[in-house]
Structures are given as structure tokens and as C-alpha cells.
Amino acid sequence: MGETVSAREGVIVTVWSLLGLAIALSLDGFGAGIAYGIKRIRVPLFSLLVICLCSTIAMAVALLAGHGLTTLIPGEWAGKLGGLILIMLGLFQLLNTLKDSSNHQIAQEDVTENASELEAEQILSITLRPFGLVIQVLREPTRADLDHSGELVPREALLLGIALNMDAMAAGLGASMVGSLPLFTPLVVGLTQLLFVSTGVYFGHLQARWAGGTWIAYGSGLVLLSLGIGKIFF
């Protein structure tokens, strides 16, 4: 009886960890979707599937790499190292968000008449946080829509998918080292990314400017930070 309860609790913890990881890695996709929606750039189903595929492949590669490392590192140390990777990734996101917010605040003080444009730029920034890079792919419609069609074509979706999933590689590596994840984890992450991007596009079309990039980035960093701390100390 006790073993049954323990196994059930283990399943619950695994499910919540998987959902937390998938959501944390998809919040940037939600922000990117809002950016396209606000600029009235369509994201067709095939392009969404390309983004989903990028997420699935990135997570699968990361999980395989993490599993390979666990065979070289003792189990206890592998778990702690994986948790540390998640904590560092979360801290990178939080620190970069603070830096970006500070830069935007200074810019808003200098150019008050362009405050609304600066807010839009904050929403339209896609940050590759693990490497401290910021790609302004959506600063203006002509840059986002390379062929000026008003639609995110598959090759543009591929670029966006790669950008959104740089942090997924690091997070997946860390998560795979702290404990066993289901084989369908990459698929769950990919589908969650698809859902969040499409939902973001919907809210963007509704002019949902309340869903700015700052709180999204904070949320993603905090979730990853919490997952890492939980895996190390609990």
C-alpha cells in the first residue's frame, strides 16, 4: 500500500515538473505570438507546426545529451548539476529581464512622445537568454515579414523556432539530469509551444497590450529557478 502511494506521488511530481518545464519554455513563444498578432502578421498552421517541430527536436536532443551525461556522472551529482543548470538559466532570464526593463525605462524618460512605440518594442523583443543575445526580429513589420506578405512563412517560422528554443536546449539538458522524464516529453513541449504561440497571436489580434514581454520573461525565469531549487533541495 505504501509503495503504491509513493509511486502515485512520484507520478504526480513528474507530471507537475513536466508541465512546469513546458510552460516555462513556451512563455517566450506566447510573447512572440503577441508580437505577430499586434503587427497583423498571420501565422498559418503549417508555420505553427514548424515551430512545434523545432521545440520537439530541441528537447529530444537535450534529453539525449543529458541522459548521456548521467551515465558518466554519479546519480546524486548528476541531479545536483542538472538542478544547478536550471537555476543558472532562470537567473540569466531574470537578470536579462531586469536589464532590458532598465534600458526601456531610460529610453522612455528620454523620448516621452514615443512611449507607446517603446512599449511595443519591449513586447517585440525575443531574447536568447542563455547566451545574453537579443534579436530584434520584430522591431518593425518589414523585418518580421521578410517577403512582405503579411504572413509568417515556414522559413521565417524556422528562424523563430530556433530562436525560441535556444533556452529549451539548456533547460532540457538540466531537467534530464535531475530525474527521469517521460519519453513523450519532447512532444508535450512542442505542443505547448504551439498552443502558446497561437494563443499569443490571438491576443495580439485583440490588441492585448497588457500582456507585455516583461512579466512573461519574469514568469519563465521564476519557474525554471523554482524547478532547479526543488530538484536540488527536495
C-alpha atoms as a PDB file:
ATOM      1  CA  MET A   1       0.000   0.000   0.000  1.00  0.00           C
ATOM      2  CA  GLY A   2       2.790   2.362   0.960  1.00  0.00           C
ATOM      3  CA  GLU A   3       4.657   1.586  -2.250  1.00  0.00           C
ATOM      4  CA  THR A   4       1.514   2.339  -4.268  1.00  0.00           C
ATOM      5  CA  VAL A   5       1.083   5.742  -2.600  1.00  0.00           C
ATOM      6  CA  SER A   6       4.765   6.520  -3.091  1.00  0.00           C
ATOM      7  CA  ALA A   7       4.583   5.587  -6.774  1.00  0.00           C
ATOM      8  CA  ARG A   8       1.479   7.735  -7.214  1.00  0.00           C
ATOM      9  CA  GLU A   9       3.203  10.703  -5.585  1.00  0.00           C
ATOM     10  CA  GLY A  10       6.179  10.173  -7.875  1.00  0.00           C
ATOM     11  CA  VAL A  11       3.932  10.280 -10.935  1.00  0.00           C
ATOM     12  CA  ILE A  12       2.276  13.487  -9.713  1.00  0.00           C
ATOM     13  CA  VAL A  13       5.649  15.159  -9.138  1.00  0.00           C
ATOM     14  CA  THR A  14       6.836  14.090 -12.593  1.00  0.00           C
ATOM     15  CA  VAL A  15       3.684  15.435 -14.265  1.00  0.00           C
ATOM     16  CA  TRP A  16       3.919  18.793 -12.498  1.00  0.00           C
ATOM     17  CA  SER A  17       7.624  19.063 -13.309  1.00  0.00           C
ATOM     18  CA  LEU A  18       6.908  18.300 -16.962  1.00  0.00           C
ATOM     19  CA  LEU A  19       4.092  20.854 -17.153  1.00  0.00           C
ATOM     20  CA  GLY A  20       6.167  23.493 -15.373  1.00  0.00           C
ATOM     21  CA  LEU A  21       9.076  22.944 -17.739  1.00  0.00           C
ATOM     22  CA  ALA A  22       6.860  23.014 -20.839  1.00  0.00           C
ATOM     23  CA  ILE A  23       5.118  26.224 -19.750  1.00  0.00           C
ATOM     24  CA  ALA A  24       8.367  27.959 -18.784  1.00  0.00           C
ATOM     25  CA  LEU A  25       9.868  27.177 -22.188  1.00  0.00           C
ATOM     26  CA  SER A  26       6.737  28.344 -24.027  1.00  0.00           C
ATOM     27  CA  LEU A  27       6.238  31.766 -22.432  1.00  0.00           C
ATOM     28  CA  ASP A  28       8.652  33.385 -24.896  1.00  0.00           C
ATOM     29  CA  GLY A  29       6.584  31.844 -27.678  1.00  0.00           C
ATOM     30  CA  PHE A  30       3.491  33.471 -26.205  1.00  0.00           C
ATOM     31  CA  GLY A  31       5.237  36.847 -26.294  1.00  0.00           C
ATOM     32  CA  ALA A  32       6.379  36.275 -29.873  1.00  0.00           C
ATOM     33  CA  GLY A  33       2.828  35.343 -30.864  1.00  0.00           C
ATOM     34  CA  ILE A  34       1.533  38.583 -29.361  1.00  0.00           C
ATOM     35  CA  ALA A  35       4.143  40.459 -31.382  1.00  0.00           C
ATOM     36  CA  TYR A  36       2.949  38.947 -34.656  1.00  0.00           C
ATOM     37  CA  GLY A  37      -0.685  39.432 -33.712  1.00  0.00           C
ATOM     38  CA  ILE A  38      -0.219  43.120 -32.920  1.00  0.00           C
ATOM     39  CA  LYS A  39       1.523  43.641 -36.258  1.00  0.00           C
ATOM     40  CA  ARG A  40      -1.296  41.758 -38.012  1.00  0.00           C
ATOM     41  CA  ILE A  41       1.120  39.162 -39.364  1.00  0.00           C
ATOM     42  CA  ARG A  42      -0.643  35.847 -39.919  1.00  0.00           C
ATOM     43  CA  VAL A  43       0.858  32.627 -38.590  1.00  0.00           C
ATOM     44  CA  PRO A  44      -0.669  29.737 -40.590  1.00  0.00           C
ATOM     45  CA  LEU A  45      -0.987  26.229 -39.219  1.00  0.00           C
ATOM     46  CA  PHE A  46       1.991  24.888 -41.168  1.00  0.00           C
ATOM     47  CA  SER A  47       4.253  27.578 -39.713  1.00  0.00           C
ATOM     48  CA  LEU A  48       2.973  26.738 -36.228  1.00  0.00           C
ATOM     49  CA  LEU A  49       3.840  23.095 -36.893  1.00  0.00           C
ATOM     50  CA  VAL A  50       7.363  24.124 -37.916  1.00  0.00           C
ATOM     51  CA  ILE A  51       7.788  25.938 -34.586  1.00  0.00           C
ATOM     52  CA  CYS A  52       6.362  22.904 -32.780  1.00  0.00           C
ATOM     53  CA  LEU A  53       8.812  20.624 -34.597  1.00  0.00           C
ATOM     54  CA  CYS A  54      11.748  22.855 -33.623  1.00  0.00           C
ATOM     55  CA  SER A  55      10.716  22.637 -29.967  1.00  0.00           C
ATOM     56  CA  THR A  56      10.275  18.872 -30.139  1.00  0.00           C
ATOM     57  CA  ILE A  57      13.657  18.273 -31.779  1.00  0.00           C
ATOM     58  CA  ALA A  58      15.487  20.678 -29.449  1.00  0.00           C
ATOM     59  CA  MET A  59      14.058  18.994 -26.363  1.00  0.00           C
ATOM     60  CA  ALA A  60      14.738  15.493 -27.708  1.00  0.00           C
ATOM     61  CA  VAL A  61      18.386  16.341 -28.422  1.00  0.00           C
ATOM     62  CA  ALA A  62      18.774  17.935 -24.982  1.00  0.00           C
ATOM     63  CA  LEU A  63      17.246  14.930 -23.217  1.00  0.00           C
ATOM     64  CA  LEU A  64      19.532  12.525 -25.084  1.00  0.00           C
ATOM     65  CA  ALA A  65      22.575  14.631 -24.215  1.00  0.00           C
ATOM     66  CA  GLY A  66      21.520  14.828 -20.578  1.00  0.00           C
ATOM     67  CA  HIS A  67      20.955  11.084 -20.422  1.00  0.00           C
ATOM     68  CA  GLY A  68      24.421  10.532 -21.858  1.00  0.00           C
ATOM     69  CA  LEU A  69      25.974  12.745 -19.193  1.00  0.00           C
ATOM     70  CA  THR A  70      24.191  10.890 -16.401  1.00  0.00           C
ATOM     71  CA  THR A  71      25.980   7.709 -17.458  1.00  0.00           C
ATOM     72  CA  LEU A  72      29.309   9.466 -16.879  1.00  0.00           C
ATOM     73  CA  ILE A  73      28.410  11.278 -13.645  1.00  0.00           C
ATOM     74  CA  PRO A  74      27.275   9.622 -10.387  1.00  0.00           C
ATOM     75  CA  GLY A  75      23.491   9.811  -9.926  1.00  0.00           C
ATOM     76  CA  GLU A  76      23.454  12.195  -6.956  1.00  0.00           C
ATOM     77  CA  TRP A  77      25.909  14.615  -8.537  1.00  0.00           C
ATOM     78  CA  ALA A  78      24.124  14.446 -11.888  1.00  0.00           C
ATOM     79  CA  GLY A  79      20.874  15.517 -10.212  1.00  0.00           C
ATOM     80  CA  LYS A  80      22.545  18.430  -8.439  1.00  0.00           C
ATOM     81  CA  LEU A  81      24.307  19.536 -11.623  1.00  0.00           C
ATOM     82  CA  GLY A  82      21.039  19.409 -13.542  1.00  0.00           C
ATOM     83  CA  GLY A  83      19.300  21.473 -10.872  1.00  0.00           C
ATOM     84  CA  LEU A  84      22.167  23.966 -10.978  1.00  0.00           C
ATOM     85  CA  ILE A  85      21.761  24.325 -14.754  1.00  0.00           C
ATOM     86  CA  LEU A  86      18.057  25.130 -14.301  1.00  0.00           C
ATOM     87  CA  ILE A  87      18.857  27.655 -11.552  1.00  0.00           C
ATOM     88  CA  MET A  88      21.507  29.368 -13.684  1.00  0.00           C
ATOM     89  CA  LEU A  89      19.154  29.502 -16.669  1.00  0.00           C
ATOM     90  CA  GLY A  90      16.408  31.021 -14.513  1.00  0.00           C
ATOM     91  CA  LEU A  91      18.818  33.601 -13.079  1.00  0.00           C
ATOM     92  CA  PHE A  92      20.033  34.508 -16.582  1.00  0.00           C
ATOM     93  CA  GLN A  93      16.455  35.162 -17.636  1.00  0.00           C
ATOM     94  CA  LEU A  94      15.661  37.255 -14.558  1.00  0.00           C
ATOM     95  CA  LEU A  95      18.850  39.321 -14.797  1.00  0.00           C
ATOM     96  CA  ASN A  96      18.416  39.959 -18.518  1.00  0.00           C
ATOM     97  CA  THR A  97      14.797  40.950 -17.929  1.00  0.00           C
ATOM     98  CA  LEU A  98      15.872  43.445 -15.262  1.00  0.00           C
ATOM     99  CA  LYS A  99      18.491  44.843 -17.637  1.00  0.00           C
ATOM    100  CA  ASP A 100      16.022  45.113 -20.520  1.00  0.00           C
ATOM    101  CA  SER A 101      13.430  46.788 -18.285  1.00  0.00           C
ATOM    102  CA  SER A 102      16.002  49.305 -17.073  1.00  0.00           C
ATOM    103  CA  ASN A 103      17.066  50.135 -20.626  1.00  0.00           C
ATOM    104  CA  HIS A 104      13.452  50.637 -21.705  1.00  0.00           C
ATOM    105  CA  GLN A 105      12.752  52.853 -18.709  1.00  0.00           C
ATOM    106  CA  ILE A 106      15.696  55.103 -19.578  1.00  0.00           C
ATOM    107  CA  ALA A 107      14.576  55.266 -23.201  1.00  0.00           C
ATOM    108  CA  GLN A 108      11.032  56.176 -22.143  1.00  0.00           C
ATOM    109  CA  GLU A 109      12.298  59.010 -19.971  1.00  0.00           C
ATOM    110  CA  ASP A 110      14.364  60.416 -22.857  1.00  0.00           C
ATOM    111  CA  VAL A 111      11.663  60.157 -25.512  1.00  0.00           C
ATOM    112  CA  THR A 112       8.261  60.580 -23.853  1.00  0.00           C
ATOM    113  CA  GLU A 113       6.391  61.195 -27.081  1.00  0.00           C
ATOM    114  CA  ASN A 114       7.348  57.745 -28.342  1.00  0.00           C
ATOM    115  CA  ALA A 115       6.308  55.858 -25.195  1.00  0.00           C
ATOM    116  CA  SER A 116       3.793  53.656 -26.984  1.00  0.00           C
ATOM    117  CA  GLU A 117       6.363  52.621 -29.599  1.00  0.00           C
ATOM    118  CA  LEU A 118       8.861  51.725 -26.889  1.00  0.00           C
ATOM    119  CA  GLU A 119       6.258  49.569 -25.176  1.00  0.00           C
ATOM    120  CA  ALA A 120       5.651  47.757 -28.436  1.00  0.00           C
ATOM    121  CA  GLU A 121       9.395  47.240 -28.881  1.00  0.00           C
ATOM    122  CA  GLN A 122       9.525  45.676 -25.432  1.00  0.00           C
ATOM    123  CA  ILE A 123       6.842  43.218 -26.499  1.00  0.00           C
ATOM    124  CA  LEU A 124       8.555  42.511 -29.803  1.00  0.00           C
ATOM    125  CA  SER A 125      11.956  41.600 -28.356  1.00  0.00           C
ATOM    126  CA  ILE A 126      12.925  37.944 -28.468  1.00  0.00           C
ATOM    127  CA  THR A 127      15.748  37.176 -26.068  1.00  0.00           C
ATOM    128  CA  LEU A 128      18.038  34.199 -26.361  1.00  0.00           C
ATOM    129  CA  ARG A 129      18.654  34.395 -22.625  1.00  0.00           C
ATOM    130  CA  PRO A 130      21.203  31.654 -22.064  1.00  0.00           C
ATOM    131  CA  PHE A 131      23.656  33.473 -24.317  1.00  0.00           C
ATOM    132  CA  GLY A 132      22.654  37.024 -23.463  1.00  0.00           C
ATOM    133  CA  LEU A 133      21.692  37.813 -27.045  1.00  0.00           C
ATOM    134  CA  VAL A 134      18.717  39.902 -28.056  1.00  0.00           C
ATOM    135  CA  ILE A 135      17.324  39.518 -31.562  1.00  0.00           C
ATOM    136  CA  GLN A 136      15.059  42.343 -32.666  1.00  0.00           C
ATOM    137  CA  VAL A 137      13.336  40.314 -35.388  1.00  0.00           C
ATOM    138  CA  LEU A 138      10.012  42.054 -34.945  1.00  0.00           C
ATOM    139  CA  ARG A 139      11.001  45.681 -34.362  1.00  0.00           C
ATOM    140  CA  GLU A 140       9.087  46.630 -37.481  1.00  0.00           C
ATOM    141  CA  PRO A 141       6.831  44.683 -39.859  1.00  0.00           C
ATOM    142  CA  THR A 142       9.287  44.759 -42.779  1.00  0.00           C
ATOM    143  CA  ARG A 143      11.879  42.929 -40.698  1.00  0.00           C
ATOM    144  CA  ALA A 144       9.431  40.366 -39.361  1.00  0.00           C
ATOM    145  CA  ASP A 145       7.799  39.646 -42.705  1.00  0.00           C
ATOM    146  CA  LEU A 146      10.786  39.094 -44.978  1.00  0.00           C
ATOM    147  CA  ASP A 147       8.745  38.625 -48.140  1.00  0.00           C
ATOM    148  CA  HIS A 148       6.274  41.435 -47.269  1.00  0.00           C
ATOM    149  CA  SER A 149       3.341  39.034 -47.470  1.00  0.00           C
ATOM    150  CA  GLY A 150       1.832  39.786 -44.057  1.00  0.00           C
ATOM    151  CA  GLU A 151       2.253  36.111 -43.214  1.00  0.00           C
ATOM    152  CA  LEU A 152       4.880  34.128 -41.315  1.00  0.00           C
ATOM    153  CA  VAL A 153       6.078  31.688 -43.950  1.00  0.00           C
ATOM    154  CA  PRO A 154       7.766  28.385 -42.990  1.00  0.00           C
ATOM    155  CA  ARG A 155      11.348  29.646 -43.394  1.00  0.00           C
ATOM    156  CA  GLU A 156      10.578  32.583 -41.070  1.00  0.00           C
ATOM    157  CA  ALA A 157       8.885  30.186 -38.671  1.00  0.00           C
ATOM    158  CA  LEU A 158      12.056  28.071 -38.708  1.00  0.00           C
ATOM    159  CA  LEU A 159      14.167  31.073 -37.677  1.00  0.00           C
ATOM    160  CA  LEU A 160      11.697  31.940 -34.938  1.00  0.00           C
ATOM    161  CA  GLY A 161      11.575  28.324 -33.769  1.00  0.00           C
ATOM    162  CA  ILE A 162      15.366  28.164 -33.481  1.00  0.00           C
ATOM    163  CA  ALA A 163      15.454  31.448 -31.546  1.00  0.00           C
ATOM    164  CA  LEU A 164      12.725  30.384 -29.141  1.00  0.00           C
ATOM    165  CA  ASN A 165      14.329  27.031 -28.404  1.00  0.00           C
ATOM    166  CA  MET A 166      17.880  28.014 -27.535  1.00  0.00           C
ATOM    167  CA  ASP A 167      16.897  28.049 -23.865  1.00  0.00           C
ATOM    168  CA  ALA A 168      14.998  24.774 -24.322  1.00  0.00           C
ATOM    169  CA  MET A 169      18.300  23.053 -25.088  1.00  0.00           C
ATOM    170  CA  ALA A 170      19.862  24.151 -21.800  1.00  0.00           C
ATOM    171  CA  ALA A 171      16.717  23.564 -19.756  1.00  0.00           C
ATOM    172  CA  GLY A 172      16.140  20.138 -21.274  1.00  0.00           C
ATOM    173  CA  LEU A 173      19.732  19.177 -20.540  1.00  0.00           C
ATOM    174  CA  GLY A 174      19.358  20.178 -16.905  1.00  0.00           C
ATOM    175  CA  ALA A 175      15.922  18.620 -16.476  1.00  0.00           C
ATOM    176  CA  SER A 176      17.035  15.275 -17.879  1.00  0.00           C
ATOM    177  CA  MET A 177      19.861  15.126 -15.347  1.00  0.00           C
ATOM    178  CA  VAL A 178      17.762  15.783 -12.245  1.00  0.00           C
ATOM    179  CA  GLY A 179      15.365  12.919 -12.845  1.00  0.00           C
ATOM    180  CA  SER A 180      13.670  10.699 -15.379  1.00  0.00           C
ATOM    181  CA  LEU A 181      11.209  12.421 -17.692  1.00  0.00           C
ATOM    182  CA  PRO A 182       8.619  10.580 -19.813  1.00  0.00           C
ATOM    183  CA  LEU A 183       9.586   9.637 -23.358  1.00  0.00           C
ATOM    184  CA  PHE A 184       6.826  11.897 -24.654  1.00  0.00           C
ATOM    185  CA  THR A 185       8.355  14.985 -23.003  1.00  0.00           C
ATOM    186  CA  PRO A 186       9.594  16.479 -26.331  1.00  0.00           C
ATOM    187  CA  LEU A 187       6.113  16.121 -27.822  1.00  0.00           C
ATOM    188  CA  VAL A 188       4.496  17.804 -24.806  1.00  0.00           C
ATOM    189  CA  VAL A 189       6.973  20.695 -25.007  1.00  0.00           C
ATOM    190  CA  GLY A 190       6.390  21.071 -28.756  1.00  0.00           C
ATOM    191  CA  LEU A 191       2.597  21.059 -28.461  1.00  0.00           C
ATOM    192  CA  THR A 192       2.734  23.521 -25.557  1.00  0.00           C
ATOM    193  CA  GLN A 193       4.884  25.847 -27.659  1.00  0.00           C
ATOM    194  CA  LEU A 194       2.363  25.586 -30.500  1.00  0.00           C
ATOM    195  CA  LEU A 195      -0.505  26.357 -28.119  1.00  0.00           C
ATOM    196  CA  PHE A 196       1.227  29.349 -26.552  1.00  0.00           C
ATOM    197  CA  VAL A 197       2.315  30.889 -29.866  1.00  0.00           C
ATOM    198  CA  SER A 198      -1.161  30.553 -31.377  1.00  0.00           C
ATOM    199  CA  THR A 199      -2.773  31.916 -28.196  1.00  0.00           C
ATOM    200  CA  GLY A 200      -0.360  34.842 -28.246  1.00  0.00           C
ATOM    201  CA  VAL A 201      -1.286  35.607 -31.857  1.00  0.00           C
ATOM    202  CA  TYR A 202      -4.961  35.592 -30.862  1.00  0.00           C
ATOM    203  CA  PHE A 203      -4.422  38.039 -28.000  1.00  0.00           C
ATOM    204  CA  GLY A 204      -2.203  40.161 -30.234  1.00  0.00           C
ATOM    205  CA  HIS A 205      -5.036  40.475 -32.748  1.00  0.00           C
ATOM    206  CA  LEU A 206      -7.214  41.671 -29.868  1.00  0.00           C
ATOM    207  CA  GLN A 207      -4.628  44.358 -29.148  1.00  0.00           C
ATOM    208  CA  ALA A 208      -3.872  42.758 -25.773  1.00  0.00           C
ATOM    209  CA  ARG A 209      -1.033  45.119 -24.936  1.00  0.00           C
ATOM    210  CA  TRP A 210      -1.406  44.276 -21.258  1.00  0.00           C
ATOM    211  CA  ALA A 211       0.434  41.038 -22.000  1.00  0.00           C
ATOM    212  CA  GLY A 212       3.816  42.726 -22.341  1.00  0.00           C
ATOM    213  CA  GLY A 213       7.150  40.927 -22.513  1.00  0.00           C
ATOM    214  CA  THR A 214       8.380  41.824 -19.014  1.00  0.00           C
ATOM    215  CA  TRP A 215       6.017  39.728 -16.894  1.00  0.00           C
ATOM    216  CA  ILE A 216       6.329  36.861 -19.364  1.00  0.00           C
ATOM    217  CA  ALA A 217      10.116  36.835 -19.026  1.00  0.00           C
ATOM    218  CA  TYR A 218       9.919  37.101 -15.234  1.00  0.00           C
ATOM    219  CA  GLY A 219       7.476  34.192 -15.128  1.00  0.00           C
ATOM    220  CA  SER A 220       9.685  31.975 -17.273  1.00  0.00           C
ATOM    221  CA  GLY A 221      12.777  32.688 -15.183  1.00  0.00           C
ATOM    222  CA  LEU A 222      10.999  32.130 -11.875  1.00  0.00           C
ATOM    223  CA  VAL A 223       9.539  28.793 -12.982  1.00  0.00           C
ATOM    224  CA  LEU A 224      12.928  27.470 -14.106  1.00  0.00           C
ATOM    225  CA  LEU A 225      14.545  28.779 -10.915  1.00  0.00           C
ATOM    226  CA  SER A 226      11.912  27.056  -8.778  1.00  0.00           C
ATOM    227  CA  LEU A 227      12.309  23.774 -10.657  1.00  0.00           C
ATOM    228  CA  GLY A 228      16.065  23.837 -10.127  1.00  0.00           C
ATOM    229  CA  ILE A 229      15.821  24.636  -6.409  1.00  0.00           C
ATOM    230  CA  GLY A 230      13.180  21.963  -5.928  1.00  0.00           C
ATOM    231  CA  LYS A 231      15.299  19.321  -7.637  1.00  0.00           C
ATOM    232  CA  ILE A 232      18.357  20.108  -5.503  1.00  0.00           C
ATOM    233  CA  PHE A 233      16.844  20.562  -2.055  1.00  0.00           C
ATOM    234  CA  PHE A 234      13.651  18.471  -2.121  1.00  0.00           C
END
